[in-house]
Amino acid sequence: MGLLDKLKGKAKETAGAATGSDSLREEGQAQQRKADEETRAATARQEAELHERRAERHEDDERRQQGT
């Protein structure tokens, strides 16, 4: 979703610049910023999930060690 929004935003920004429409240009820029933030959020979620899986593995290791 982020990449498609980024491309649409760039197209709007370019069209706005070409036609002299400040509002269309600004809308395109805003759409690109939104896409960037959505990409950052998705990356952060993936990283958090990775850390959660690692923590679970460490917990499993700890339980095995306590059982011996």
N, C-alpha and C. Protein backbone atom coordinates (compact mmCIF):
# COMPACT_ATOMS: atom_id res chain seq x y z
N MET A 1 0.83 -1.18 0.00
CA MET A 1 0.00 0.00 0.00
C MET A 1 0.87 1.24 0.00
N GLY A 2 1.95 1.24 0.73
CA GLY A 2 2.79 2.42 0.85
C GLY A 2 3.40 2.84 -0.48
N LEU A 3 3.91 1.87 -1.24
CA LEU A 3 4.56 2.20 -2.50
C LEU A 3 3.55 2.78 -3.50
N LEU A 4 2.38 2.20 -3.57
CA LEU A 4 1.36 2.70 -4.50
C LEU A 4 0.95 4.13 -4.12
N ASP A 5 0.74 4.38 -2.82
CA ASP A 5 0.41 5.73 -2.38
C ASP A 5 1.55 6.70 -2.69
N LYS A 6 2.78 6.24 -2.53
CA LYS A 6 3.94 7.08 -2.81
C LYS A 6 3.95 7.48 -4.29
N LEU A 7 3.69 6.50 -5.17
CA LEU A 7 3.68 6.78 -6.60
C LEU A 7 2.53 7.72 -6.98
N LYS A 8 1.36 7.48 -6.41
CA LYS A 8 0.21 8.36 -6.67
C LYS A 8 0.51 9.78 -6.20
N GLY A 9 1.12 9.87 -5.02
CA GLY A 9 1.46 11.18 -4.48
C GLY A 9 2.45 11.92 -5.36
N LYS A 10 3.44 11.19 -5.87
CA LYS A 10 4.43 11.81 -6.75
C LYS A 10 3.77 12.28 -8.03
N ALA A 11 2.84 11.50 -8.56
CA ALA A 11 2.13 11.89 -9.78
C ALA A 11 1.31 13.16 -9.53
N LYS A 12 0.64 13.23 -8.38
CA LYS A 12 -0.14 14.44 -8.06
C LYS A 12 0.77 15.64 -7.89
N GLU A 13 1.89 15.43 -7.22
CA GLU A 13 2.83 16.54 -7.01
C GLU A 13 3.34 17.06 -8.36
N THR A 14 3.69 16.14 -9.25
CA THR A 14 4.19 16.52 -10.57
C THR A 14 3.10 17.22 -11.39
N ALA A 15 1.89 16.67 -11.34
CA ALA A 15 0.79 17.30 -12.06
C ALA A 15 0.50 18.69 -11.51
N GLY A 16 0.53 18.82 -10.21
CA GLY A 16 0.30 20.12 -9.59
C GLY A 16 1.37 21.13 -9.97
N ALA A 17 2.61 20.69 -10.00
CA ALA A 17 3.70 21.58 -10.39
C ALA A 17 3.57 21.99 -11.85
N ALA A 18 3.18 21.03 -12.70
CA ALA A 18 3.06 21.31 -14.13
C ALA A 18 1.90 22.25 -14.44
N THR A 19 0.83 22.13 -13.67
CA THR A 19 -0.36 22.95 -13.95
C THR A 19 -0.41 24.21 -13.09
N GLY A 20 0.52 24.33 -12.17
CA GLY A 20 0.51 25.50 -11.29
C GLY A 20 -0.50 25.39 -10.15
N SER A 21 -0.96 24.18 -9.89
CA SER A 21 -1.93 23.96 -8.82
C SER A 21 -1.20 23.64 -7.52
N ASP A 22 -1.08 24.66 -6.68
CA ASP A 22 -0.40 24.45 -5.40
C ASP A 22 -1.13 23.42 -4.54
N SER A 23 -2.45 23.43 -4.58
CA SER A 23 -3.19 22.49 -3.74
C SER A 23 -2.96 21.05 -4.18
N LEU A 24 -2.91 20.79 -5.47
CA LEU A 24 -2.66 19.43 -5.97
C LEU A 24 -1.22 19.01 -5.64
N ARG A 25 -0.29 19.93 -5.81
CA ARG A 25 1.11 19.65 -5.48
C ARG A 25 1.25 19.31 -4.00
N GLU A 26 0.62 20.11 -3.14
CA GLU A 26 0.68 19.87 -1.70
C GLU A 26 -0.02 18.58 -1.30
N GLU A 27 -1.13 18.28 -1.98
CA GLU A 27 -1.83 17.02 -1.71
C GLU A 27 -0.93 15.84 -2.04
N GLY A 28 -0.23 15.94 -3.15
CA GLY A 28 0.70 14.88 -3.53
C GLY A 28 1.83 14.71 -2.53
N GLN A 29 2.36 15.82 -2.05
CA GLN A 29 3.42 15.76 -1.05
C GLN A 29 2.92 15.12 0.24
N ALA A 30 1.71 15.49 0.65
CA ALA A 30 1.12 14.93 1.86
C ALA A 30 0.90 13.43 1.70
N GLN A 31 0.46 13.01 0.52
CA GLN A 31 0.23 11.58 0.27
C GLN A 31 1.55 10.82 0.34
N GLN A 32 2.62 11.41 -0.15
CA GLN A 32 3.93 10.77 -0.08
C GLN A 32 4.42 10.66 1.37
N ARG A 33 4.20 11.69 2.16
CA ARG A 33 4.60 11.64 3.57
C ARG A 33 3.81 10.56 4.31
N LYS A 34 2.51 10.46 4.00
CA LYS A 34 1.67 9.42 4.60
C LYS A 34 2.21 8.04 4.24
N ALA A 35 2.56 7.85 2.98
CA ALA A 35 3.09 6.56 2.53
C ALA A 35 4.39 6.24 3.26
N ASP A 36 5.24 7.24 3.45
CA ASP A 36 6.49 7.02 4.18
C ASP A 36 6.22 6.58 5.61
N GLU A 37 5.27 7.22 6.26
CA GLU A 37 4.95 6.87 7.65
C GLU A 37 4.33 5.48 7.74
N GLU A 38 3.49 5.13 6.78
CA GLU A 38 2.90 3.79 6.77
C GLU A 38 3.99 2.73 6.59
N THR A 39 4.97 3.01 5.75
CA THR A 39 6.08 2.09 5.55
C THR A 39 6.89 1.96 6.83
N ARG A 40 7.16 3.08 7.50
CA ARG A 40 7.90 3.04 8.77
C ARG A 40 7.12 2.23 9.82
N ALA A 41 5.82 2.43 9.87
CA ALA A 41 4.99 1.71 10.85
C ALA A 41 5.02 0.21 10.57
N ALA A 42 4.92 -0.17 9.31
CA ALA A 42 4.95 -1.59 8.96
C ALA A 42 6.30 -2.21 9.32
N THR A 43 7.37 -1.48 9.07
CA THR A 43 8.70 -1.96 9.42
C THR A 43 8.84 -2.12 10.92
N ALA A 44 8.34 -1.16 11.67
CA ALA A 44 8.41 -1.23 13.13
C ALA A 44 7.61 -2.42 13.66
N ARG A 45 6.44 -2.69 13.08
CA ARG A 45 5.64 -3.84 13.50
C ARG A 45 6.40 -5.14 13.23
N GLN A 46 7.03 -5.23 12.07
CA GLN A 46 7.79 -6.43 11.75
C GLN A 46 8.96 -6.61 12.72
N GLU A 47 9.63 -5.53 13.03
CA GLU A 47 10.75 -5.61 13.96
C GLU A 47 10.27 -6.01 15.36
N ALA A 48 9.14 -5.46 15.78
CA ALA A 48 8.60 -5.82 17.09
C ALA A 48 8.23 -7.30 17.14
N GLU A 49 7.64 -7.80 16.08
CA GLU A 49 7.29 -9.22 16.03
C GLU A 49 8.55 -10.10 16.10
N LEU A 50 9.61 -9.67 15.43
CA LEU A 50 10.86 -10.41 15.49
C LEU A 50 11.38 -10.46 16.92
N HIS A 51 11.36 -9.34 17.62
CA HIS A 51 11.83 -9.30 19.00
C HIS A 51 10.95 -10.16 19.91
N GLU A 52 9.66 -10.17 19.64
CA GLU A 52 8.76 -11.01 20.44
C GLU A 52 9.08 -12.49 20.25
N ARG A 53 9.33 -12.89 19.00
CA ARG A 53 9.69 -14.29 18.74
C ARG A 53 11.01 -14.65 19.41
N ARG A 54 11.96 -13.74 19.35
CA ARG A 54 13.25 -14.00 20.02
C ARG A 54 13.07 -14.12 21.54
N ALA A 55 12.26 -13.25 22.10
CA ALA A 55 12.01 -13.31 23.55
C ALA A 55 11.34 -14.63 23.92
N GLU A 56 10.42 -15.10 23.10
CA GLU A 56 9.76 -16.39 23.36
C GLU A 56 10.77 -17.53 23.31
N ARG A 57 11.69 -17.47 22.36
CA ARG A 57 12.71 -18.53 22.28
C ARG A 57 13.60 -18.50 23.52
N HIS A 58 13.95 -17.30 23.99
CA HIS A 58 14.77 -17.20 25.19
C HIS A 58 14.01 -17.74 26.41
N GLU A 59 12.72 -17.44 26.44
CA GLU A 59 11.90 -17.95 27.54
C GLU A 59 11.85 -19.48 27.50
N ASP A 60 11.70 -20.03 26.30
CA ASP A 60 11.71 -21.49 26.17
C ASP A 60 13.04 -22.07 26.63
N ASP A 61 14.13 -21.42 26.25
CA ASP A 61 15.45 -21.87 26.69
C ASP A 61 15.56 -21.82 28.21
N GLU A 62 15.08 -20.75 28.80
CA GLU A 62 15.12 -20.58 30.25
C GLU A 62 14.32 -21.70 30.94
N ARG A 63 13.15 -22.00 30.42
CA ARG A 63 12.33 -23.07 31.01
C ARG A 63 13.04 -24.41 30.93
N ARG A 64 13.68 -24.67 29.78
CA ARG A 64 14.41 -25.94 29.64
C ARG A 64 15.55 -26.00 30.64
N GLN A 65 16.24 -24.89 30.84
CA GLN A 65 17.36 -24.87 31.79
C GLN A 65 16.86 -25.08 33.23
N GLN A 66 15.73 -24.54 33.55
CA GLN A 66 15.18 -24.68 34.90
C GLN A 66 14.71 -26.11 35.15
N GLY A 67 14.34 -26.79 34.10
CA GLY A 67 13.83 -28.15 34.23
C GLY A 67 14.93 -29.19 34.41
N THR A 68 16.18 -28.82 34.20
CA THR A 68 17.28 -29.80 34.31
C THR A 68 17.97 -29.74 35.64
